[in-house]
């Protein structure tokens, strides 16, 4: 199992210098990944995730990086594909693109984007197909209700081949997001108001593998959770998930982590010191099998 950090891109995490320092600290402490939320319309101080990730790529050398997650339905796929390719080159092949429908309505309806789930899902699937074709060096001609593309071809291709890895998030036990995930490189199921248990994960792994066209290729199963500060307790928390098939644990560094109110009256200042301490402590350690 690999271990990453998942952080907001707003509030005190809008400060680029702080995010760069946290990413470097995470790499030094042994974490395997550093991933940022990607919101655009929350009324808080906010940093652009992709721009910050490019900067993080330049000051780190080992950890995986990426948005976790972004909504392709509110982005232009050719622009997102180019951004991902560029960061993949800056990072020498460490970029991961986490995608999903998007859980924050303001990221869509405040800026006139598609809001309803079904058309948003269709638009996202088209966007993923377009990006995949561009990353593989194909000339894209695509005409639909959402995109009109003529003779578009990209160079250079990403460092990672055949494409930048796509991790697909979605609410479980909803099945369509996990069928979508089976077509790409990782499944990132999220409980609707609860944290998935190891038993839930056994169901997820079985369902996704049932719908993968080739189970011999590398594939990741991604879980977001919170571990205790005590090392042995943290090991006891993550071990059952590893046994259930989870390959990435994303430590949830979010307002919920330290009891912040997610309403309009968020307390200030946010307790960033607690988060810095958690990053410096490093990831949980699993015993060798």
C-alpha atoms as a PDB file:
ATOM      1  CA  UNK A   1       0.000   0.000   0.000  1.00  0.00           C
ATOM      2  CA  UNK A   2       1.132   3.544  -0.796  1.00  0.00           C
ATOM      3  CA  UNK A   3       0.257   6.609   1.240  1.00  0.00           C
ATOM      4  CA  UNK A   4      -0.617  10.098   0.069  1.00  0.00           C
ATOM      5  CA  UNK A   5      -1.997  13.343   1.456  1.00  0.00           C
ATOM      6  CA  UNK A   6      -5.172  15.019   0.241  1.00  0.00           C
ATOM      7  CA  UNK A   7      -5.490  18.736   1.025  1.00  0.00           C
ATOM      8  CA  UNK A   8      -7.861  21.613   0.177  1.00  0.00           C
ATOM      9  CA  UNK A   9      -6.782  24.381  -2.200  1.00  0.00           C
ATOM     10  CA  UNK A  10      -8.476  27.163  -0.239  1.00  0.00           C
ATOM     11  CA  UNK A  11      -8.357  28.968   3.102  1.00  0.00           C
ATOM     12  CA  UNK A  12      -4.834  28.785   4.566  1.00  0.00           C
ATOM     13  CA  UNK A  13      -4.000  26.273   1.826  1.00  0.00           C
ATOM     14  CA  UNK A  14      -4.347  29.053  -0.738  1.00  0.00           C
ATOM     15  CA  UNK A  15      -0.872  30.251   0.255  1.00  0.00           C
ATOM     16  CA  UNK A  16       1.463  28.859  -2.382  1.00  0.00           C
ATOM     17  CA  UNK A  17       4.625  29.036  -0.267  1.00  0.00           C
ATOM     18  CA  UNK A  18       2.900  26.997   2.441  1.00  0.00           C
ATOM     19  CA  UNK A  19       1.772  24.329  -0.039  1.00  0.00           C
ATOM     20  CA  UNK A  20       5.267  24.076  -1.542  1.00  0.00           C
ATOM     21  CA  UNK A  21       6.799  23.667   1.914  1.00  0.00           C
ATOM     22  CA  UNK A  22       4.200  21.050   2.855  1.00  0.00           C
ATOM     23  CA  UNK A  23       4.871  19.074  -0.323  1.00  0.00           C
ATOM     24  CA  UNK A  24       8.616  19.095   0.327  1.00  0.00           C
ATOM     25  CA  UNK A  25       8.028  18.071   3.947  1.00  0.00           C
ATOM     26  CA  UNK A  26       5.737  15.266   2.775  1.00  0.00           C
ATOM     27  CA  UNK A  27       8.395  13.936   0.430  1.00  0.00           C
ATOM     28  CA  UNK A  28      11.069  14.103   3.132  1.00  0.00           C
ATOM     29  CA  UNK A  29       8.771  12.337   5.623  1.00  0.00           C
ATOM     30  CA  UNK A  30       8.191   9.390   3.299  1.00  0.00           C
ATOM     31  CA  UNK A  31       4.737  10.070   1.871  1.00  0.00           C
ATOM     32  CA  UNK A  32       4.162   8.728  -1.650  1.00  0.00           C
ATOM     33  CA  UNK A  33       1.725  11.349  -2.937  1.00  0.00           C
ATOM     34  CA  UNK A  34       0.572  14.944  -2.462  1.00  0.00           C
ATOM     35  CA  UNK A  35      -2.843  15.727  -3.920  1.00  0.00           C
ATOM     36  CA  UNK A  36      -4.937  18.913  -3.915  1.00  0.00           C
ATOM     37  CA  UNK A  37      -8.656  19.505  -4.045  1.00  0.00           C
ATOM     38  CA  UNK A  38      -9.730  21.487  -7.107  1.00  0.00           C
ATOM     39  CA  UNK A  39     -12.533  23.946  -6.402  1.00  0.00           C
ATOM     40  CA  UNK A  40     -13.043  27.253  -8.196  1.00  0.00           C
ATOM     41  CA  UNK A  41     -16.115  28.978  -6.715  1.00  0.00           C
ATOM     42  CA  UNK A  42     -16.010  28.518  -2.933  1.00  0.00           C
ATOM     43  CA  UNK A  43     -16.049  31.998  -1.324  1.00  0.00           C
ATOM     44  CA  UNK A  44     -12.653  31.612   0.357  1.00  0.00           C
ATOM     45  CA  UNK A  45      -9.071  32.509  -0.404  1.00  0.00           C
ATOM     46  CA  UNK A  46      -8.124  30.014  -3.086  1.00  0.00           C
ATOM     47  CA  UNK A  47      -5.176  28.867  -5.199  1.00  0.00           C
ATOM     48  CA  UNK A  48      -5.432  27.380  -8.691  1.00  0.00           C
ATOM     49  CA  UNK A  49      -4.621  23.725  -8.152  1.00  0.00           C
ATOM     50  CA  UNK A  50      -3.003  22.999 -11.507  1.00  0.00           C
ATOM     51  CA  UNK A  51      -0.715  26.027 -11.287  1.00  0.00           C
ATOM     52  CA  UNK A  52       0.366  25.089  -7.765  1.00  0.00           C
ATOM     53  CA  UNK A  53       0.910  21.460  -8.790  1.00  0.00           C
ATOM     54  CA  UNK A  54       3.284  22.614 -11.530  1.00  0.00           C
ATOM     55  CA  UNK A  55       5.264  24.514  -8.902  1.00  0.00           C
ATOM     56  CA  UNK A  56       5.234  21.487  -6.583  1.00  0.00           C
ATOM     57  CA  UNK A  57       6.513  19.338  -9.450  1.00  0.00           C
ATOM     58  CA  UNK A  58       9.520  21.630  -9.752  1.00  0.00           C
ATOM     59  CA  UNK A  59      10.518  21.416  -6.066  1.00  0.00           C
ATOM     60  CA  UNK A  60       9.986  17.678  -5.492  1.00  0.00           C
ATOM     61  CA  UNK A  61      11.517  14.618  -7.123  1.00  0.00           C
ATOM     62  CA  UNK A  62       9.701  11.485  -5.969  1.00  0.00           C
ATOM     63  CA  UNK A  63       6.109  11.901  -4.798  1.00  0.00           C
ATOM     64  CA  UNK A  64       3.105  11.556  -7.068  1.00  0.00           C
ATOM     65  CA  UNK A  65       1.084  14.758  -7.486  1.00  0.00           C
ATOM     66  CA  UNK A  66      -2.265  15.702  -8.943  1.00  0.00           C
ATOM     67  CA  UNK A  67      -5.712  17.191  -8.425  1.00  0.00           C
ATOM     68  CA  UNK A  68      -7.909  14.986  -6.294  1.00  0.00           C
ATOM     69  CA  UNK A  69     -10.365  15.551  -7.786  1.00  0.00           C
ATOM     70  CA  UNK A  70     -11.172  17.848 -10.713  1.00  0.00           C
ATOM     71  CA  UNK A  71     -14.372  17.923 -12.747  1.00  0.00           C
ATOM     72  CA  UNK A  72     -13.686  17.554 -16.489  1.00  0.00           C
ATOM     73  CA  UNK A  73     -17.291  18.583 -17.189  1.00  0.00           C
ATOM     74  CA  UNK A  74     -16.381  22.156 -16.196  1.00  0.00           C
ATOM     75  CA  UNK A  75     -13.093  22.216 -18.072  1.00  0.00           C
ATOM     76  CA  UNK A  76     -12.084  22.269 -21.722  1.00  0.00           C
ATOM     77  CA  UNK A  77     -10.549  18.846 -22.375  1.00  0.00           C
ATOM     78  CA  UNK A  78      -7.825  20.100 -24.713  1.00  0.00           C
ATOM     79  CA  UNK A  79      -6.704  22.641 -22.098  1.00  0.00           C
ATOM     80  CA  UNK A  80      -6.805  20.086 -19.277  1.00  0.00           C
ATOM     81  CA  UNK A  81      -4.908  17.582 -21.427  1.00  0.00           C
ATOM     82  CA  UNK A  82      -2.208  20.161 -22.174  1.00  0.00           C
ATOM     83  CA  UNK A  83      -1.903  21.172 -18.517  1.00  0.00           C
ATOM     84  CA  UNK A  84      -1.594  17.534 -17.450  1.00  0.00           C
ATOM     85  CA  UNK A  85       1.023  16.827 -20.117  1.00  0.00           C
ATOM     86  CA  UNK A  86       3.102  19.840 -19.117  1.00  0.00           C
ATOM     87  CA  UNK A  87       3.036  18.957 -15.411  1.00  0.00           C
ATOM     88  CA  UNK A  88       3.867  15.356 -16.288  1.00  0.00           C
ATOM     89  CA  UNK A  89       7.001  16.634 -18.034  1.00  0.00           C
ATOM     90  CA  UNK A  90       7.926  19.029 -15.217  1.00  0.00           C
ATOM     91  CA  UNK A  91       7.567  16.160 -12.727  1.00  0.00           C
ATOM     92  CA  UNK A  92       9.255  13.578 -14.981  1.00  0.00           C
ATOM     93  CA  UNK A  93       6.209  11.332 -15.032  1.00  0.00           C
ATOM     94  CA  UNK A  94       4.720  11.785 -11.557  1.00  0.00           C
ATOM     95  CA  UNK A  95       1.378  13.376 -12.420  1.00  0.00           C
ATOM     96  CA  UNK A  96      -1.981  11.707 -11.709  1.00  0.00           C
ATOM     97  CA  UNK A  97      -5.317  13.114 -12.881  1.00  0.00           C
ATOM     98  CA  UNK A  98      -8.082  12.494 -10.352  1.00  0.00           C
ATOM     99  CA  UNK A  99     -11.511  13.089 -11.886  1.00  0.00           C
ATOM    100  CA  UNK A 100     -15.166  12.957 -10.919  1.00  0.00           C
ATOM    101  CA  UNK A 101     -18.529  14.601 -11.521  1.00  0.00           C
ATOM    102  CA  UNK A 102     -17.792  17.227  -8.867  1.00  0.00           C
ATOM    103  CA  UNK A 103     -19.524  17.479  -5.510  1.00  0.00           C
ATOM    104  CA  UNK A 104     -19.583  21.271  -5.120  1.00  0.00           C
ATOM    105  CA  UNK A 105     -22.597  22.785  -6.993  1.00  0.00           C
ATOM    106  CA  UNK A 106     -21.108  26.288  -6.920  1.00  0.00           C
ATOM    107  CA  UNK A 107     -18.253  25.116  -9.151  1.00  0.00           C
ATOM    108  CA  UNK A 108     -20.874  24.597 -11.862  1.00  0.00           C
ATOM    109  CA  UNK A 109     -24.024  26.679 -11.459  1.00  0.00           C
ATOM    110  CA  UNK A 110     -22.212  29.847 -10.337  1.00  0.00           C
ATOM    111  CA  UNK A 111     -20.399  29.977 -13.675  1.00  0.00           C
ATOM    112  CA  UNK A 112     -23.076  28.680 -16.036  1.00  0.00           C
ATOM    113  CA  UNK A 113     -21.757  25.132 -16.473  1.00  0.00           C
ATOM    114  CA  UNK A 114     -23.861  21.978 -16.842  1.00  0.00           C
ATOM    115  CA  UNK A 115     -25.356  21.130 -13.446  1.00  0.00           C
ATOM    116  CA  UNK A 116     -27.573  18.048 -13.937  1.00  0.00           C
ATOM    117  CA  UNK A 117     -25.721  14.812 -13.185  1.00  0.00           C
ATOM    118  CA  UNK A 118     -26.541  12.767 -16.301  1.00  0.00           C
ATOM    119  CA  UNK A 119     -25.490  15.336 -18.942  1.00  0.00           C
ATOM    120  CA  UNK A 120     -22.481  16.200 -16.797  1.00  0.00           C
ATOM    121  CA  UNK A 121     -21.473  12.523 -16.787  1.00  0.00           C
ATOM    122  CA  UNK A 122     -21.871  12.299 -20.566  1.00  0.00           C
ATOM    123  CA  UNK A 123     -19.791  15.431 -21.037  1.00  0.00           C
ATOM    124  CA  UNK A 124     -17.120  14.033 -18.718  1.00  0.00           C
ATOM    125  CA  UNK A 125     -16.934  10.733 -20.610  1.00  0.00           C
ATOM    126  CA  UNK A 126     -16.521  12.603 -23.888  1.00  0.00           C
ATOM    127  CA  UNK A 127     -13.820  14.786 -22.333  1.00  0.00           C
ATOM    128  CA  UNK A 128     -11.892  11.746 -21.097  1.00  0.00           C
ATOM    129  CA  UNK A 129     -12.016  10.118 -24.531  1.00  0.00           C
ATOM    130  CA  UNK A 130     -10.748  13.322 -26.148  1.00  0.00           C
ATOM    131  CA  UNK A 131      -7.888  13.693 -23.667  1.00  0.00           C
ATOM    132  CA  UNK A 132      -6.884  10.051 -24.013  1.00  0.00           C
ATOM    133  CA  UNK A 133      -6.729  10.363 -27.792  1.00  0.00           C
ATOM    134  CA  UNK A 134      -4.652  13.548 -27.591  1.00  0.00           C
ATOM    135  CA  UNK A 135      -2.228  11.973 -25.110  1.00  0.00           C
ATOM    136  CA  UNK A 136      -1.741   9.016 -27.448  1.00  0.00           C
ATOM    137  CA  UNK A 137      -0.827  11.263 -30.366  1.00  0.00           C
ATOM    138  CA  UNK A 138      -4.025  10.809 -32.345  1.00  0.00           C
ATOM    139  CA  UNK A 139      -5.611  13.485 -34.518  1.00  0.00           C
ATOM    140  CA  UNK A 140      -8.969  14.254 -32.927  1.00  0.00           C
ATOM    141  CA  UNK A 141     -12.153  15.085 -34.805  1.00  0.00           C
ATOM    142  CA  UNK A 142     -15.085  15.185 -32.422  1.00  0.00           C
ATOM    143  CA  UNK A 143     -18.508  16.779 -32.844  1.00  0.00           C
ATOM    144  CA  UNK A 144     -21.250  16.568 -30.218  1.00  0.00           C
ATOM    145  CA  UNK A 145     -23.579  18.716 -28.143  1.00  0.00           C
ATOM    146  CA  UNK A 146     -20.622  19.582 -25.935  1.00  0.00           C
ATOM    147  CA  UNK A 147     -17.504  19.771 -28.102  1.00  0.00           C
ATOM    148  CA  UNK A 148     -16.624  20.694 -31.692  1.00  0.00           C
ATOM    149  CA  UNK A 149     -13.064  19.686 -32.547  1.00  0.00           C
ATOM    150  CA  UNK A 150     -11.428  19.539 -35.982  1.00  0.00           C
ATOM    151  CA  UNK A 151      -8.000  18.075 -36.732  1.00  0.00           C
ATOM    152  CA  UNK A 152      -6.514  18.601 -33.273  1.00  0.00           C
ATOM    153  CA  UNK A 153      -3.251  16.842 -32.450  1.00  0.00           C
ATOM    154  CA  UNK A 154      -0.880  17.392 -29.537  1.00  0.00           C
ATOM    155  CA  UNK A 155       2.884  17.174 -29.130  1.00  0.00           C
ATOM    156  CA  UNK A 156       4.698  16.328 -26.986  1.00  0.00           C
ATOM    157  CA  UNK A 157       2.959  13.334 -25.509  1.00  0.00           C
ATOM    158  CA  UNK A 158       3.078  12.779 -21.728  1.00  0.00           C
ATOM    159  CA  UNK A 159       6.123  11.151 -20.150  1.00  0.00           C
ATOM    160  CA  UNK A 160       3.852   8.366 -18.887  1.00  0.00           C
ATOM    161  CA  UNK A 161       2.518   6.092 -21.580  1.00  0.00           C
ATOM    162  CA  UNK A 162       0.037   5.340 -22.928  1.00  0.00           C
ATOM    163  CA  UNK A 163      -1.375   8.305 -20.968  1.00  0.00           C
ATOM    164  CA  UNK A 164      -1.396  10.208 -17.726  1.00  0.00           C
ATOM    165  CA  UNK A 165      -3.052   7.883 -15.160  1.00  0.00           C
ATOM    166  CA  UNK A 166      -6.729   8.688 -14.591  1.00  0.00           C
ATOM    167  CA  UNK A 167      -8.170   7.979 -11.146  1.00  0.00           C
ATOM    168  CA  UNK A 168     -11.973   8.001 -11.171  1.00  0.00           C
ATOM    169  CA  UNK A 169     -13.879   9.042  -8.045  1.00  0.00           C
ATOM    170  CA  UNK A 170     -17.553   8.494  -7.355  1.00  0.00           C
ATOM    171  CA  UNK A 171     -20.075   7.767  -4.640  1.00  0.00           C
ATOM    172  CA  UNK A 172     -20.418   4.149  -3.566  1.00  0.00           C
ATOM    173  CA  UNK A 173     -22.632   2.094  -3.778  1.00  0.00           C
ATOM    174  CA  UNK A 174     -23.578   3.932  -7.005  1.00  0.00           C
ATOM    175  CA  UNK A 175     -22.479   1.593  -9.770  1.00  0.00           C
ATOM    176  CA  UNK A 176     -22.015   3.844 -12.873  1.00  0.00           C
ATOM    177  CA  UNK A 177     -18.974   5.700 -11.443  1.00  0.00           C
ATOM    178  CA  UNK A 178     -17.239   2.412 -10.682  1.00  0.00           C
ATOM    179  CA  UNK A 179     -18.003   1.053 -14.159  1.00  0.00           C
ATOM    180  CA  UNK A 180     -16.402   4.229 -15.477  1.00  0.00           C
ATOM    181  CA  UNK A 181     -13.432   3.688 -13.173  1.00  0.00           C
ATOM    182  CA  UNK A 182     -12.999   0.161 -14.553  1.00  0.00           C
ATOM    183  CA  UNK A 183     -12.248   1.687 -17.971  1.00  0.00           C
ATOM    184  CA  UNK A 184      -9.359   3.765 -16.656  1.00  0.00           C
ATOM    185  CA  UNK A 185      -6.512   3.400 -14.142  1.00  0.00           C
ATOM    186  CA  UNK A 186      -7.901   3.547 -10.602  1.00  0.00           C
ATOM    187  CA  UNK A 187     -11.126   3.528  -8.622  1.00  0.00           C
ATOM    188  CA  UNK A 188     -11.639   6.057  -5.842  1.00  0.00           C
ATOM    189  CA  UNK A 189     -15.034   5.294  -4.248  1.00  0.00           C
ATOM    190  CA  UNK A 190     -16.366   7.678  -1.630  1.00  0.00           C
ATOM    191  CA  UNK A 191     -19.045   6.835   0.910  1.00  0.00           C
ATOM    192  CA  UNK A 192     -22.128   9.053   0.789  1.00  0.00           C
ATOM    193  CA  UNK A 193     -21.810  10.504   4.278  1.00  0.00           C
ATOM    194  CA  UNK A 194     -19.747   7.642   5.694  1.00  0.00           C
ATOM    195  CA  UNK A 195     -16.291   6.100   5.396  1.00  0.00           C
ATOM    196  CA  UNK A 196     -16.038   2.862   3.442  1.00  0.00           C
ATOM    197  CA  UNK A 197     -15.211  -0.171   5.575  1.00  0.00           C
ATOM    198  CA  UNK A 198     -12.877  -3.007   4.532  1.00  0.00           C
ATOM    199  CA  UNK A 199     -15.986  -5.086   3.781  1.00  0.00           C
ATOM    200  CA  UNK A 200     -17.277  -2.293   1.528  1.00  0.00           C
ATOM    201  CA  UNK A 201     -13.920  -2.362  -0.188  1.00  0.00           C
ATOM    202  CA  UNK A 202     -14.103  -6.064  -0.916  1.00  0.00           C
ATOM    203  CA  UNK A 203     -17.365  -5.365  -2.728  1.00  0.00           C
ATOM    204  CA  UNK A 204     -15.796  -2.460  -4.637  1.00  0.00           C
ATOM    205  CA  UNK A 205     -12.751  -4.458  -5.729  1.00  0.00           C
ATOM    206  CA  UNK A 206     -14.893  -7.376  -6.871  1.00  0.00           C
ATOM    207  CA  UNK A 207     -17.294  -5.111  -8.768  1.00  0.00           C
ATOM    208  CA  UNK A 208     -14.601  -3.065 -10.510  1.00  0.00           C
ATOM    209  CA  UNK A 209     -12.547  -6.125 -11.463  1.00  0.00           C
ATOM    210  CA  UNK A 210     -15.683  -7.714 -12.873  1.00  0.00           C
ATOM    211  CA  UNK A 211     -15.985  -4.778 -15.284  1.00  0.00           C
ATOM    212  CA  UNK A 212     -12.326  -4.350 -16.221  1.00  0.00           C
ATOM    213  CA  UNK A 213     -11.489  -5.538 -19.709  1.00  0.00           C
ATOM    214  CA  UNK A 214      -7.991  -6.679 -18.673  1.00  0.00           C
ATOM    215  CA  UNK A 215      -7.252  -7.542 -15.041  1.00  0.00           C
ATOM    216  CA  UNK A 216      -3.612  -8.378 -15.799  1.00  0.00           C
ATOM    217  CA  UNK A 217      -2.633  -4.693 -16.052  1.00  0.00           C
ATOM    218  CA  UNK A 218      -1.625  -2.494 -13.114  1.00  0.00           C
ATOM    219  CA  UNK A 219      -4.604  -0.922 -11.394  1.00  0.00           C
ATOM    220  CA  UNK A 220      -5.097   1.078  -8.197  1.00  0.00           C
ATOM    221  CA  UNK A 221      -7.828   1.184  -5.585  1.00  0.00           C
ATOM    222  CA  UNK A 222      -7.796   4.463  -3.647  1.00  0.00           C
ATOM    223  CA  UNK A 223      -9.231   5.120  -0.175  1.00  0.00           C
ATOM    224  CA  UNK A 224      -9.478   8.412   1.706  1.00  0.00           C
ATOM    225  CA  UNK A 225      -9.414   8.146   5.485  1.00  0.00           C
ATOM    226  CA  UNK A 226      -7.968   9.353   8.753  1.00  0.00           C
ATOM    227  CA  UNK A 227      -5.369   7.527  10.836  1.00  0.00           C
ATOM    228  CA  UNK A 228      -4.684   8.023  14.564  1.00  0.00           C
ATOM    229  CA  UNK A 229      -1.502   9.719  15.706  1.00  0.00           C
ATOM    230  CA  UNK A 230      -0.313   6.571  17.486  1.00  0.00           C
ATOM    231  CA  UNK A 231       1.820   4.491  15.102  1.00  0.00           C
ATOM    232  CA  UNK A 232       0.548   1.075  16.143  1.00  0.00           C
ATOM    233  CA  UNK A 233      -3.062   2.276  16.070  1.00  0.00           C
ATOM    234  CA  UNK A 234      -2.500   3.748  12.607  1.00  0.00           C
ATOM    235  CA  UNK A 235      -1.088   0.435  11.399  1.00  0.00           C
ATOM    236  CA  UNK A 236      -4.100  -1.379  12.823  1.00  0.00           C
ATOM    237  CA  UNK A 237      -6.388   1.060  10.990  1.00  0.00           C
ATOM    238  CA  UNK A 238      -4.886   0.676   7.522  1.00  0.00           C
ATOM    239  CA  UNK A 239      -3.953  -3.029   7.529  1.00  0.00           C
ATOM    240  CA  UNK A 240      -7.521  -4.329   7.004  1.00  0.00           C
ATOM    241  CA  UNK A 241      -7.875  -2.018   4.004  1.00  0.00           C
ATOM    242  CA  UNK A 242      -4.674  -3.349   2.474  1.00  0.00           C
ATOM    243  CA  UNK A 243      -5.991  -6.873   3.001  1.00  0.00           C
ATOM    244  CA  UNK A 244      -9.226  -5.866   1.233  1.00  0.00           C
ATOM    245  CA  UNK A 245      -7.317  -4.719  -1.860  1.00  0.00           C
ATOM    246  CA  UNK A 246      -6.745  -0.993  -1.300  1.00  0.00           C
ATOM    247  CA  UNK A 247      -3.447   0.077  -2.919  1.00  0.00           C
ATOM    248  CA  UNK A 248      -3.447   3.791  -2.001  1.00  0.00           C
ATOM    249  CA  UNK A 249      -4.447   5.364   1.317  1.00  0.00           C
ATOM    250  CA  UNK A 250      -5.010   9.134   1.071  1.00  0.00           C
ATOM    251  CA  UNK A 251      -4.755  10.766   4.462  1.00  0.00           C
ATOM    252  CA  UNK A 252      -7.662  13.203   4.593  1.00  0.00           C
ATOM    253  CA  UNK A 253      -6.254  16.594   5.584  1.00  0.00           C
ATOM    254  CA  UNK A 254      -9.444  18.627   5.501  1.00  0.00           C
ATOM    255  CA  UNK A 255     -11.651  20.875   7.635  1.00  0.00           C
ATOM    256  CA  UNK A 256     -13.345  17.757   9.003  1.00  0.00           C
ATOM    257  CA  UNK A 257      -9.959  16.503  10.216  1.00  0.00           C
ATOM    258  CA  UNK A 258      -9.750  18.834  13.177  1.00  0.00           C
ATOM    259  CA  UNK A 259     -13.415  19.552  13.704  1.00  0.00           C
ATOM    260  CA  UNK A 260     -13.727  22.651  11.556  1.00  0.00           C
ATOM    261  CA  UNK A 261     -17.250  23.765  10.785  1.00  0.00           C
ATOM    262  CA  UNK A 262     -18.021  23.477   7.075  1.00  0.00           C
ATOM    263  CA  UNK A 263     -20.736  26.106   7.304  1.00  0.00           C
ATOM    264  CA  UNK A 264     -20.430  29.795   6.520  1.00  0.00           C
ATOM    265  CA  UNK A 265     -18.742  30.637   9.827  1.00  0.00           C
ATOM    266  CA  UNK A 266     -15.518  28.674   9.591  1.00  0.00           C
ATOM    267  CA  UNK A 267     -13.258  29.433  12.565  1.00  0.00           C
ATOM    268  CA  UNK A 268     -10.122  31.450  11.962  1.00  0.00           C
ATOM    269  CA  UNK A 269      -7.257  30.892  12.112  1.00  0.00           C
ATOM    270  CA  UNK A 270      -7.299  27.304  10.951  1.00  0.00           C
ATOM    271  CA  UNK A 271      -5.018  25.039  13.017  1.00  0.00           C
ATOM    272  CA  UNK A 272      -2.393  24.565  10.333  1.00  0.00           C
ATOM    273  CA  UNK A 273       0.225  23.543  12.892  1.00  0.00           C
ATOM    274  CA  UNK A 274      -1.678  20.325  13.550  1.00  0.00           C
ATOM    275  CA  UNK A 275      -1.622  19.536   9.852  1.00  0.00           C
ATOM    276  CA  UNK A 276       2.076  20.322   9.517  1.00  0.00           C
ATOM    277  CA  UNK A 277       2.804  18.011  12.451  1.00  0.00           C
ATOM    278  CA  UNK A 278       0.781  15.201  10.864  1.00  0.00           C
ATOM    279  CA  UNK A 279       2.662  15.544   7.583  1.00  0.00           C
ATOM    280  CA  UNK A 280       6.050  15.555   9.342  1.00  0.00           C
ATOM    281  CA  UNK A 281       5.141  12.398  11.285  1.00  0.00           C
ATOM    282  CA  UNK A 282       5.068  10.460   8.019  1.00  0.00           C
ATOM    283  CA  UNK A 283       2.734   7.751   6.758  1.00  0.00           C
ATOM    284  CA  UNK A 284       1.623   4.644   8.654  1.00  0.00           C
ATOM    285  CA  UNK A 285       3.992   1.687   8.466  1.00  0.00           C
ATOM    286  CA  UNK A 286       2.645  -1.699   7.444  1.00  0.00           C
ATOM    287  CA  UNK A 287       4.379  -4.854   8.603  1.00  0.00           C
ATOM    288  CA  UNK A 288       6.031  -6.916   5.902  1.00  0.00           C
ATOM    289  CA  UNK A 289       3.883  -9.929   4.899  1.00  0.00           C
END
